[in-house]
Amino acid sequence: MDKTASGSGVRERLGRSLFARVAGPSGPENRARIHQTPGPRWFGPDRPVRRVHGDASMFIGGLRALLLQSLHPLAMAAVAGHSGFKGDPWGRLQRTSTFLAVTTFGTAEHAQEAVDRVRSVHERVRGTAPSGEPYHAADPHLLCWVHVAEVDSFLRAHQRYGARPLDGAGCDGYIHDMATVAHALGVPDPPHDRAELAERIAAYRPELRATQEALDAARFILLRPPLPWPVRPPYAVLAANAVAALPPWAREPLRLPRVPGVEEICVRPAGKALTRTIRWAMTPPAGG
């Protein structure tokens, strides 16, 4: 067999498997609807959000975001009480990835429809945390925390593992692009550049702590993912790099120690190699 054809076959099978896991059974249908429906988009083809969200570094950024978001007790209580992340983690991942794809690449009409669905769900998610504090997923303060944790995680992962890291203006442009989505979701004043993002995260830090729900979520995400054994080693590489990308103030309460030297010599190079492999697998061959 021709080596090129063999490599193309491996790429196709691996890419199809990854896409099915992330996008779910409706993935091909959703992809066609997102990319092939004519009409105006929220973001043009040259916008930084398209570069970031179209890159394999999102796998690491997404895991980092989940860990970082868990440090807000009320946000974590809402996830633990309503999302079913343990019972249906892949369903939650697939819904999140579809939302990101629609708002980033889909028509403005479809993006607004996706936002409206999420806002409807948020309105129904309310309850009381174990501390006795009430929470409501539509609370702009909680929505903003979830937003800034995602933006910071996706951007940092892209700058470390992305195929084409952004320059300074591009980083600010990405944050500005994501503010459009955040505002549509109900965040009244999302950050628009790196300075505002850093200030906003710092402002939340007094509220952050590792509850038992957060510790349980970290163990589930990092140590007990619902995956077949053959794919657990590459997942472990992604997870290790997500942890390595967290700031010390987030790692310590989650009991995720840093091993000096190991991350720089082993973890980060392995993360870059695996991200390149995922990117290769999910990119159609030239002329294919």
C-alpha atoms as a PDB file:
ATOM      1  CA  MET A   1       0.000   0.000   0.000  1.00  0.00           C
ATOM      2  CA  ASP A   2       1.212   3.479  -0.827  1.00  0.00           C
ATOM      3  CA  LYS A   3       2.564   5.188   2.304  1.00  0.00           C
ATOM      4  CA  THR A   4       0.680   8.386   1.500  1.00  0.00           C
ATOM      5  CA  ALA A   5      -2.610   6.520   1.190  1.00  0.00           C
ATOM      6  CA  SER A   6      -1.883   4.602   4.380  1.00  0.00           C
ATOM      7  CA  GLY A   7      -1.129   7.810   6.282  1.00  0.00           C
ATOM      8  CA  SER A   8      -4.268   9.394   4.898  1.00  0.00           C
ATOM      9  CA  GLY A   9      -6.298   6.428   6.105  1.00  0.00           C
ATOM     10  CA  VAL A  10      -4.855   6.641   9.604  1.00  0.00           C
ATOM     11  CA  ARG A  11      -5.514  10.372   9.669  1.00  0.00           C
ATOM     12  CA  GLU A  12      -9.114   9.868   8.522  1.00  0.00           C
ATOM     13  CA  ARG A  13      -9.862   7.185  11.119  1.00  0.00           C
ATOM     14  CA  LEU A  14      -8.243   9.079  13.981  1.00  0.00           C
ATOM     15  CA  GLY A  15      -9.837  12.364  12.976  1.00  0.00           C
ATOM     16  CA  ARG A  16     -13.255  10.745  12.654  1.00  0.00           C
ATOM     17  CA  SER A  17     -12.909   9.141  16.086  1.00  0.00           C
ATOM     18  CA  LEU A  18     -11.853  12.402  17.763  1.00  0.00           C
ATOM     19  CA  PHE A  19     -14.603  14.361  16.058  1.00  0.00           C
ATOM     20  CA  ALA A  20     -17.248  11.825  17.100  1.00  0.00           C
ATOM     21  CA  ARG A  21     -16.102  11.990  20.719  1.00  0.00           C
ATOM     22  CA  VAL A  22     -16.120  15.796  20.862  1.00  0.00           C
ATOM     23  CA  ALA A  23     -19.065  16.589  18.588  1.00  0.00           C
ATOM     24  CA  GLY A  24     -21.360  13.624  19.268  1.00  0.00           C
ATOM     25  CA  PRO A  25     -23.612  11.639  16.922  1.00  0.00           C
ATOM     26  CA  SER A  26     -25.048  14.824  15.379  1.00  0.00           C
ATOM     27  CA  GLY A  27     -21.575  16.197  14.694  1.00  0.00           C
ATOM     28  CA  PRO A  28     -21.500  15.860  10.892  1.00  0.00           C
ATOM     29  CA  GLU A  29     -24.984  17.341  10.565  1.00  0.00           C
ATOM     30  CA  ASN A  30     -24.132  20.223  12.898  1.00  0.00           C
ATOM     31  CA  ARG A  31     -20.836  20.870  11.124  1.00  0.00           C
ATOM     32  CA  ALA A  32     -22.552  21.146   7.751  1.00  0.00           C
ATOM     33  CA  ARG A  33     -25.204  23.460   9.189  1.00  0.00           C
ATOM     34  CA  ILE A  34     -22.614  25.657  10.925  1.00  0.00           C
ATOM     35  CA  HIS A  35     -20.193  26.052   8.038  1.00  0.00           C
ATOM     36  CA  GLN A  36     -22.396  25.753   4.948  1.00  0.00           C
ATOM     37  CA  THR A  37     -25.431  27.858   5.835  1.00  0.00           C
ATOM     38  CA  PRO A  38     -25.138  31.202   4.022  1.00  0.00           C
ATOM     39  CA  GLY A  39     -25.599  34.424   5.910  1.00  0.00           C
ATOM     40  CA  PRO A  40     -23.767  37.010   8.012  1.00  0.00           C
ATOM     41  CA  ARG A  41     -21.623  35.836  10.921  1.00  0.00           C
ATOM     42  CA  TRP A  42     -20.779  37.425  14.254  1.00  0.00           C
ATOM     43  CA  PHE A  43     -17.095  37.028  13.375  1.00  0.00           C
ATOM     44  CA  GLY A  44     -15.359  37.367  10.029  1.00  0.00           C
ATOM     45  CA  PRO A  45     -12.789  34.853   8.773  1.00  0.00           C
ATOM     46  CA  ASP A  46      -9.878  37.025   9.903  1.00  0.00           C
ATOM     47  CA  ARG A  47     -11.001  37.380  13.539  1.00  0.00           C
ATOM     48  CA  PRO A  48      -8.757  35.935  16.295  1.00  0.00           C
ATOM     49  CA  VAL A  49     -11.611  33.927  17.836  1.00  0.00           C
ATOM     50  CA  ARG A  50     -11.715  31.768  14.720  1.00  0.00           C
ATOM     51  CA  ARG A  51      -8.012  31.004  14.936  1.00  0.00           C
ATOM     52  CA  VAL A  52      -8.188  30.079  18.625  1.00  0.00           C
ATOM     53  CA  HIS A  53     -11.369  28.005  18.505  1.00  0.00           C
ATOM     54  CA  GLY A  54     -10.300  26.186  15.368  1.00  0.00           C
ATOM     55  CA  ASP A  55      -7.063  24.891  16.900  1.00  0.00           C
ATOM     56  CA  ALA A  56      -6.372  21.601  18.704  1.00  0.00           C
ATOM     57  CA  SER A  57      -5.068  23.530  21.720  1.00  0.00           C
ATOM     58  CA  MET A  58      -8.727  23.854  22.730  1.00  0.00           C
ATOM     59  CA  PHE A  59      -8.549  20.319  24.153  1.00  0.00           C
ATOM     60  CA  ILE A  60      -6.084  21.507  26.802  1.00  0.00           C
ATOM     61  CA  GLY A  61      -7.769  24.867  27.243  1.00  0.00           C
ATOM     62  CA  GLY A  62     -11.126  23.237  27.871  1.00  0.00           C
ATOM     63  CA  LEU A  63      -9.784  21.014  30.656  1.00  0.00           C
ATOM     64  CA  ARG A  64      -7.997  23.957  32.254  1.00  0.00           C
ATOM     65  CA  ALA A  65     -11.208  25.990  32.126  1.00  0.00           C
ATOM     66  CA  LEU A  66     -13.182  23.267  33.930  1.00  0.00           C
ATOM     67  CA  LEU A  67     -10.604  23.105  36.716  1.00  0.00           C
ATOM     68  CA  LEU A  68     -10.394  26.876  37.083  1.00  0.00           C
ATOM     69  CA  GLN A  69     -14.166  27.387  36.999  1.00  0.00           C
ATOM     70  CA  SER A  70     -14.638  24.808  39.766  1.00  0.00           C
ATOM     71  CA  LEU A  71     -12.957  27.135  42.267  1.00  0.00           C
ATOM     72  CA  HIS A  72     -16.014  29.365  42.532  1.00  0.00           C
ATOM     73  CA  PRO A  73     -18.225  27.588  45.111  1.00  0.00           C
ATOM     74  CA  LEU A  74     -21.531  28.780  43.657  1.00  0.00           C
ATOM     75  CA  ALA A  75     -20.575  27.999  40.055  1.00  0.00           C
ATOM     76  CA  MET A  76     -19.386  24.560  41.166  1.00  0.00           C
ATOM     77  CA  ALA A  77     -22.595  23.956  43.135  1.00  0.00           C
ATOM     78  CA  ALA A  78     -24.632  24.720  40.019  1.00  0.00           C
ATOM     79  CA  VAL A  79     -22.549  22.304  37.944  1.00  0.00           C
ATOM     80  CA  ALA A  80     -22.663  19.553  40.577  1.00  0.00           C
ATOM     81  CA  GLY A  81     -26.382  19.932  41.105  1.00  0.00           C
ATOM     82  CA  HIS A  82     -27.633  20.345  37.557  1.00  0.00           C
ATOM     83  CA  SER A  83     -25.157  19.555  34.772  1.00  0.00           C
ATOM     84  CA  GLY A  84     -24.819  15.791  35.149  1.00  0.00           C
ATOM     85  CA  PHE A  85     -21.113  16.095  34.377  1.00  0.00           C
ATOM     86  CA  LYS A  86     -20.392  12.714  35.991  1.00  0.00           C
ATOM     87  CA  GLY A  87     -23.368  10.875  34.571  1.00  0.00           C
ATOM     88  CA  ASP A  88     -23.030  12.341  31.074  1.00  0.00           C
ATOM     89  CA  PRO A  89     -19.634  14.048  30.748  1.00  0.00           C
ATOM     90  CA  TRP A  90     -19.379  13.520  27.006  1.00  0.00           C
ATOM     91  CA  GLY A  91     -22.846  14.910  26.440  1.00  0.00           C
ATOM     92  CA  ARG A  92     -21.836  18.043  28.335  1.00  0.00           C
ATOM     93  CA  LEU A  93     -18.612  18.319  26.330  1.00  0.00           C
ATOM     94  CA  GLN A  94     -20.501  17.868  23.067  1.00  0.00           C
ATOM     95  CA  ARG A  95     -23.051  20.543  23.944  1.00  0.00           C
ATOM     96  CA  THR A  96     -20.284  22.958  24.922  1.00  0.00           C
ATOM     97  CA  SER A  97     -18.220  22.315  21.796  1.00  0.00           C
ATOM     98  CA  THR A  98     -21.280  22.729  19.583  1.00  0.00           C
ATOM     99  CA  PHE A  99     -22.133  26.042  21.265  1.00  0.00           C
ATOM    100  CA  LEU A 100     -18.590  27.323  20.724  1.00  0.00           C
ATOM    101  CA  ALA A 101     -18.630  26.215  17.096  1.00  0.00           C
ATOM    102  CA  VAL A 102     -22.008  27.790  16.353  1.00  0.00           C
ATOM    103  CA  THR A 103     -21.208  31.137  17.973  1.00  0.00           C
ATOM    104  CA  THR A 104     -17.733  31.268  16.408  1.00  0.00           C
ATOM    105  CA  PHE A 105     -18.365  29.994  12.887  1.00  0.00           C
ATOM    106  CA  GLY A 106     -22.142  29.842  12.403  1.00  0.00           C
ATOM    107  CA  THR A 107     -24.544  32.420  11.052  1.00  0.00           C
ATOM    108  CA  ALA A 108     -25.611  35.284  13.280  1.00  0.00           C
ATOM    109  CA  GLU A 109     -29.122  33.831  13.343  1.00  0.00           C
ATOM    110  CA  HIS A 110     -27.917  30.404  14.487  1.00  0.00           C
ATOM    111  CA  ALA A 111     -25.542  31.968  17.025  1.00  0.00           C
ATOM    112  CA  GLN A 112     -28.374  33.937  18.573  1.00  0.00           C
ATOM    113  CA  GLU A 113     -30.564  30.824  18.675  1.00  0.00           C
ATOM    114  CA  ALA A 114     -27.788  28.945  20.516  1.00  0.00           C
ATOM    115  CA  VAL A 115     -27.411  31.791  23.003  1.00  0.00           C
ATOM    116  CA  ASP A 116     -31.165  31.916  23.593  1.00  0.00           C
ATOM    117  CA  ARG A 117     -31.222  28.176  24.364  1.00  0.00           C
ATOM    118  CA  VAL A 118     -28.383  28.506  26.878  1.00  0.00           C
ATOM    119  CA  ARG A 119     -30.032  31.495  28.552  1.00  0.00           C
ATOM    120  CA  SER A 120     -33.256  29.517  28.866  1.00  0.00           C
ATOM    121  CA  VAL A 121     -31.391  26.703  30.609  1.00  0.00           C
ATOM    122  CA  HIS A 122     -29.583  29.140  32.909  1.00  0.00           C
ATOM    123  CA  GLU A 123     -32.881  30.643  34.038  1.00  0.00           C
ATOM    124  CA  ARG A 124     -33.989  27.242  35.358  1.00  0.00           C
ATOM    125  CA  VAL A 125     -30.732  26.399  37.166  1.00  0.00           C
ATOM    126  CA  ARG A 126     -30.992  27.642  40.719  1.00  0.00           C
ATOM    127  CA  GLY A 127     -30.604  26.190  44.180  1.00  0.00           C
ATOM    128  CA  THR A 128     -28.638  26.347  47.412  1.00  0.00           C
ATOM    129  CA  ALA A 129     -24.961  25.487  47.782  1.00  0.00           C
ATOM    130  CA  PRO A 130     -23.779  23.259  50.670  1.00  0.00           C
ATOM    131  CA  SER A 131     -22.671  26.476  52.407  1.00  0.00           C
ATOM    132  CA  GLY A 132     -26.276  27.649  52.467  1.00  0.00           C
ATOM    133  CA  GLU A 133     -25.708  30.346  49.843  1.00  0.00           C
ATOM    134  CA  PRO A 134     -28.268  30.563  47.038  1.00  0.00           C
ATOM    135  CA  TYR A 135     -27.122  30.387  43.430  1.00  0.00           C
ATOM    136  CA  HIS A 136     -28.698  31.094  40.072  1.00  0.00           C
ATOM    137  CA  ALA A 137     -26.888  30.250  36.837  1.00  0.00           C
ATOM    138  CA  ALA A 138     -28.283  33.389  35.210  1.00  0.00           C
ATOM    139  CA  ASP A 139     -26.598  35.585  37.836  1.00  0.00           C
ATOM    140  CA  PRO A 140     -24.388  37.980  35.805  1.00  0.00           C
ATOM    141  CA  HIS A 141     -21.649  37.737  38.439  1.00  0.00           C
ATOM    142  CA  LEU A 142     -21.420  33.935  38.092  1.00  0.00           C
ATOM    143  CA  LEU A 143     -21.746  34.126  34.316  1.00  0.00           C
ATOM    144  CA  CYS A 144     -18.814  36.527  34.210  1.00  0.00           C
ATOM    145  CA  TRP A 145     -16.629  34.183  36.272  1.00  0.00           C
ATOM    146  CA  VAL A 146     -17.368  31.265  33.952  1.00  0.00           C
ATOM    147  CA  HIS A 147     -16.634  33.527  30.990  1.00  0.00           C
ATOM    148  CA  VAL A 148     -13.300  34.928  32.198  1.00  0.00           C
ATOM    149  CA  ALA A 149     -12.103  31.454  33.258  1.00  0.00           C
ATOM    150  CA  GLU A 150     -12.872  30.134  29.769  1.00  0.00           C
ATOM    151  CA  VAL A 151     -11.316  33.058  27.934  1.00  0.00           C
ATOM    152  CA  ASP A 152      -8.160  32.970  30.029  1.00  0.00           C
ATOM    153  CA  SER A 153      -7.844  29.196  29.599  1.00  0.00           C
ATOM    154  CA  PHE A 154      -8.498  29.055  25.865  1.00  0.00           C
ATOM    155  CA  LEU A 155      -6.133  31.943  25.181  1.00  0.00           C
ATOM    156  CA  ARG A 156      -3.301  30.657  27.377  1.00  0.00           C
ATOM    157  CA  ALA A 157      -3.557  27.177  25.898  1.00  0.00           C
ATOM    158  CA  HIS A 158      -3.506  28.620  22.394  1.00  0.00           C
ATOM    159  CA  GLN A 159      -0.455  30.763  23.114  1.00  0.00           C
ATOM    160  CA  ARG A 160       1.388  27.753  24.530  1.00  0.00           C
ATOM    161  CA  TYR A 161       0.218  24.939  22.213  1.00  0.00           C
ATOM    162  CA  GLY A 162      -1.450  26.594  19.212  1.00  0.00           C
ATOM    163  CA  ALA A 163      -0.114  26.273  15.687  1.00  0.00           C
ATOM    164  CA  ARG A 164      -0.081  30.056  15.204  1.00  0.00           C
ATOM    165  CA  PRO A 165       0.051  31.955  18.497  1.00  0.00           C
ATOM    166  CA  LEU A 166      -1.433  35.435  18.433  1.00  0.00           C
ATOM    167  CA  ASP A 167       0.518  38.665  18.802  1.00  0.00           C
ATOM    168  CA  GLY A 168      -0.448  41.183  21.483  1.00  0.00           C
ATOM    169  CA  ALA A 169      -3.111  42.846  19.374  1.00  0.00           C
ATOM    170  CA  GLY A 170      -4.480  39.442  18.433  1.00  0.00           C
ATOM    171  CA  CYS A 171      -4.758  38.407  22.090  1.00  0.00           C
ATOM    172  CA  ASP A 172      -6.707  41.565  22.866  1.00  0.00           C
ATOM    173  CA  GLY A 173      -8.789  40.932  19.758  1.00  0.00           C
ATOM    174  CA  TYR A 174      -9.682  37.442  20.957  1.00  0.00           C
ATOM    175  CA  ILE A 175     -10.828  38.762  24.326  1.00  0.00           C
ATOM    176  CA  HIS A 176     -12.838  41.454  22.538  1.00  0.00           C
ATOM    177  CA  ASP A 177     -14.451  38.844  20.265  1.00  0.00           C
ATOM    178  CA  MET A 178     -15.413  36.676  23.212  1.00  0.00           C
ATOM    179  CA  ALA A 179     -16.953  39.704  24.934  1.00  0.00           C
ATOM    180  CA  THR A 180     -19.554  39.709  22.162  1.00  0.00           C
ATOM    181  CA  VAL A 181     -20.676  36.203  23.148  1.00  0.00           C
ATOM    182  CA  ALA A 182     -20.512  36.983  26.863  1.00  0.00           C
ATOM    183  CA  HIS A 183     -22.675  40.074  26.468  1.00  0.00           C
ATOM    184  CA  ALA A 184     -25.235  38.064  24.503  1.00  0.00           C
ATOM    185  CA  LEU A 185     -25.310  35.503  27.330  1.00  0.00           C
ATOM    186  CA  GLY A 186     -26.066  38.156  29.946  1.00  0.00           C
ATOM    187  CA  VAL A 187     -22.680  39.438  31.134  1.00  0.00           C
ATOM    188  CA  PRO A 188     -23.185  43.211  31.265  1.00  0.00           C
ATOM    189  CA  ASP A 189     -19.534  44.316  31.236  1.00  0.00           C
ATOM    190  CA  PRO A 190     -17.142  41.577  30.065  1.00  0.00           C
ATOM    191  CA  PRO A 191     -13.422  42.359  29.712  1.00  0.00           C
ATOM    192  CA  HIS A 192     -12.219  43.486  26.294  1.00  0.00           C
ATOM    193  CA  ASP A 193      -8.424  43.174  26.533  1.00  0.00           C
ATOM    194  CA  ARG A 194      -5.673  41.448  28.510  1.00  0.00           C
ATOM    195  CA  ALA A 195      -5.437  44.132  31.180  1.00  0.00           C
ATOM    196  CA  GLU A 196      -9.171  44.038  31.869  1.00  0.00           C
ATOM    197  CA  LEU A 197      -9.164  40.238  31.889  1.00  0.00           C
ATOM    198  CA  ALA A 198      -6.353  40.101  34.455  1.00  0.00           C
ATOM    199  CA  GLU A 199      -8.092  42.701  36.625  1.00  0.00           C
ATOM    200  CA  ARG A 200     -11.368  40.805  36.526  1.00  0.00           C
ATOM    201  CA  ILE A 201      -9.795  37.483  37.488  1.00  0.00           C
ATOM    202  CA  ALA A 202      -7.923  39.147  40.343  1.00  0.00           C
ATOM    203  CA  ALA A 203     -11.184  40.660  41.582  1.00  0.00           C
ATOM    204  CA  TYR A 204     -12.754  37.191  41.826  1.00  0.00           C
ATOM    205  CA  ARG A 205      -9.897  35.594  43.753  1.00  0.00           C
ATOM    206  CA  PRO A 206     -11.226  36.420  47.263  1.00  0.00           C
ATOM    207  CA  GLU A 207     -14.369  34.442  46.391  1.00  0.00           C
ATOM    208  CA  LEU A 208     -12.533  31.335  45.187  1.00  0.00           C
ATOM    209  CA  ARG A 209     -11.925  28.190  47.205  1.00  0.00           C
ATOM    210  CA  ALA A 210     -11.796  24.449  46.673  1.00  0.00           C
ATOM    211  CA  THR A 211     -15.017  22.944  47.991  1.00  0.00           C
ATOM    212  CA  GLN A 212     -15.445  19.186  48.271  1.00  0.00           C
ATOM    213  CA  GLU A 213     -17.415  19.332  45.009  1.00  0.00           C
ATOM    214  CA  ALA A 214     -14.457  21.023  43.315  1.00  0.00           C
ATOM    215  CA  LEU A 215     -11.997  18.431  44.633  1.00  0.00           C
ATOM    216  CA  ASP A 216     -14.297  15.611  43.511  1.00  0.00           C
ATOM    217  CA  ALA A 217     -14.595  17.196  40.069  1.00  0.00           C
ATOM    218  CA  ALA A 218     -10.816  17.520  39.747  1.00  0.00           C
ATOM    219  CA  ARG A 219     -10.317  13.856  40.650  1.00  0.00           C
ATOM    220  CA  PHE A 220     -13.001  12.842  38.166  1.00  0.00           C
ATOM    221  CA  ILE A 221     -11.569  14.958  35.349  1.00  0.00           C
ATOM    222  CA  LEU A 222      -7.935  14.048  35.959  1.00  0.00           C
ATOM    223  CA  LEU A 223      -7.937  10.532  37.397  1.00  0.00           C
ATOM    224  CA  ARG A 224     -11.220   8.829  36.542  1.00  0.00           C
ATOM    225  CA  PRO A 225     -12.291   9.999  33.086  1.00  0.00           C
ATOM    226  CA  PRO A 226     -14.913   7.758  31.418  1.00  0.00           C
ATOM    227  CA  LEU A 227     -12.575   6.645  28.647  1.00  0.00           C
ATOM    228  CA  PRO A 228     -11.492   3.311  27.158  1.00  0.00           C
ATOM    229  CA  TRP A 229      -8.090   2.235  28.453  1.00  0.00           C
ATOM    230  CA  PRO A 230      -6.274   2.642  25.100  1.00  0.00           C
ATOM    231  CA  VAL A 231      -6.986   6.377  24.989  1.00  0.00           C
ATOM    232  CA  ARG A 232      -6.258   7.118  28.629  1.00  0.00           C
ATOM    233  CA  PRO A 233      -2.499   7.719  28.130  1.00  0.00           C
ATOM    234  CA  PRO A 234      -2.989  10.520  25.568  1.00  0.00           C
ATOM    235  CA  TYR A 235      -5.791  11.945  27.700  1.00  0.00           C
ATOM    236  CA  ALA A 236      -3.409  11.929  30.669  1.00  0.00           C
ATOM    237  CA  VAL A 237      -0.996  14.055  28.616  1.00  0.00           C
ATOM    238  CA  LEU A 238      -3.740  16.579  27.869  1.00  0.00           C
ATOM    239  CA  ALA A 239      -4.793  16.628  31.535  1.00  0.00           C
ATOM    240  CA  ALA A 240      -1.219  17.075  32.788  1.00  0.00           C
ATOM    241  CA  ASN A 241      -0.748  20.036  30.478  1.00  0.00           C
ATOM    242  CA  ALA A 242      -4.052  21.567  31.598  1.00  0.00           C
ATOM    243  CA  VAL A 243      -2.832  21.367  35.184  1.00  0.00           C
ATOM    244  CA  ALA A 244       0.576  22.765  34.239  1.00  0.00           C
ATOM    245  CA  ALA A 245      -1.116  25.775  32.638  1.00  0.00           C
ATOM    246  CA  LEU A 246      -2.944  26.708  35.860  1.00  0.00           C
ATOM    247  CA  PRO A 247      -1.505  29.462  38.053  1.00  0.00           C
ATOM    248  CA  PRO A 248      -0.139  28.377  41.462  1.00  0.00           C
ATOM    249  CA  TRP A 249      -3.010  30.083  43.298  1.00  0.00           C
ATOM    250  CA  ALA A 250      -5.450  27.786  41.474  1.00  0.00           C
ATOM    251  CA  ARG A 251      -3.405  24.593  41.742  1.00  0.00           C
ATOM    252  CA  GLU A 252      -2.756  24.713  45.455  1.00  0.00           C
ATOM    253  CA  PRO A 253      -6.382  24.609  46.710  1.00  0.00           C
ATOM    254  CA  LEU A 254      -7.157  21.827  44.211  1.00  0.00           C
ATOM    255  CA  ARG A 255      -4.181  19.866  45.628  1.00  0.00           C
ATOM    256  CA  LEU A 256      -2.393  19.737  42.299  1.00  0.00           C
ATOM    257  CA  PRO A 257       1.295  20.112  43.203  1.00  0.00           C
ATOM    258  CA  ARG A 258       3.954  21.234  40.792  1.00  0.00           C
ATOM    259  CA  VAL A 259       6.974  19.007  40.208  1.00  0.00           C
ATOM    260  CA  PRO A 260       9.910  21.303  39.351  1.00  0.00           C
ATOM    261  CA  GLY A 261      11.664  20.372  36.133  1.00  0.00           C
ATOM    262  CA  VAL A 262       9.266  17.595  35.124  1.00  0.00           C
ATOM    263  CA  GLU A 263       6.720  19.938  33.564  1.00  0.00           C
ATOM    264  CA  GLU A 264       9.308  21.809  31.521  1.00  0.00           C
ATOM    265  CA  ILE A 265      11.250  18.716  30.413  1.00  0.00           C
ATOM    266  CA  CYS A 266       8.469  16.149  29.981  1.00  0.00           C
ATOM    267  CA  VAL A 267       4.926  17.463  30.293  1.00  0.00           C
ATOM    268  CA  ARG A 268       5.041  20.490  28.035  1.00  0.00           C
ATOM    269  CA  PRO A 269       6.940  18.842  25.139  1.00  0.00           C
ATOM    270  CA  ALA A 270       4.560  15.872  25.293  1.00  0.00           C
ATOM    271  CA  GLY A 271       1.614  18.267  25.224  1.00  0.00           C
ATOM    272  CA  LYS A 272       2.950  20.046  22.173  1.00  0.00           C
ATOM    273  CA  ALA A 273       3.598  16.760  20.372  1.00  0.00           C
ATOM    274  CA  LEU A 274       0.131  15.395  21.164  1.00  0.00           C
ATOM    275  CA  THR A 275      -1.547  18.651  20.126  1.00  0.00           C
ATOM    276  CA  ARG A 276       0.306  18.492  16.799  1.00  0.00           C
ATOM    277  CA  THR A 277      -0.943  14.928  16.335  1.00  0.00           C
ATOM    278  CA  ILE A 278      -4.555  15.889  17.079  1.00  0.00           C
ATOM    279  CA  ARG A 279      -4.277  18.853  14.724  1.00  0.00           C
ATOM    280  CA  TRP A 280      -2.884  16.601  12.002  1.00  0.00           C
ATOM    281  CA  ALA A 281      -5.653  14.042  12.508  1.00  0.00           C
ATOM    282  CA  MET A 282      -8.463  16.587  12.400  1.00  0.00           C
ATOM    283  CA  THR A 283      -7.155  18.525   9.393  1.00  0.00           C
ATOM    284  CA  PRO A 284      -8.339  17.135   6.042  1.00  0.00           C
ATOM    285  CA  PRO A 285      -5.430  16.159   3.740  1.00  0.00           C
ATOM    286  CA  ALA A 286      -4.583  18.664   1.019  1.00  0.00           C
ATOM    287  CA  GLY A 287      -6.813  18.044  -1.938  1.00  0.00           C
ATOM    288  CA  GLY A 288      -9.042  15.741   0.140  1.00  0.00           C
END
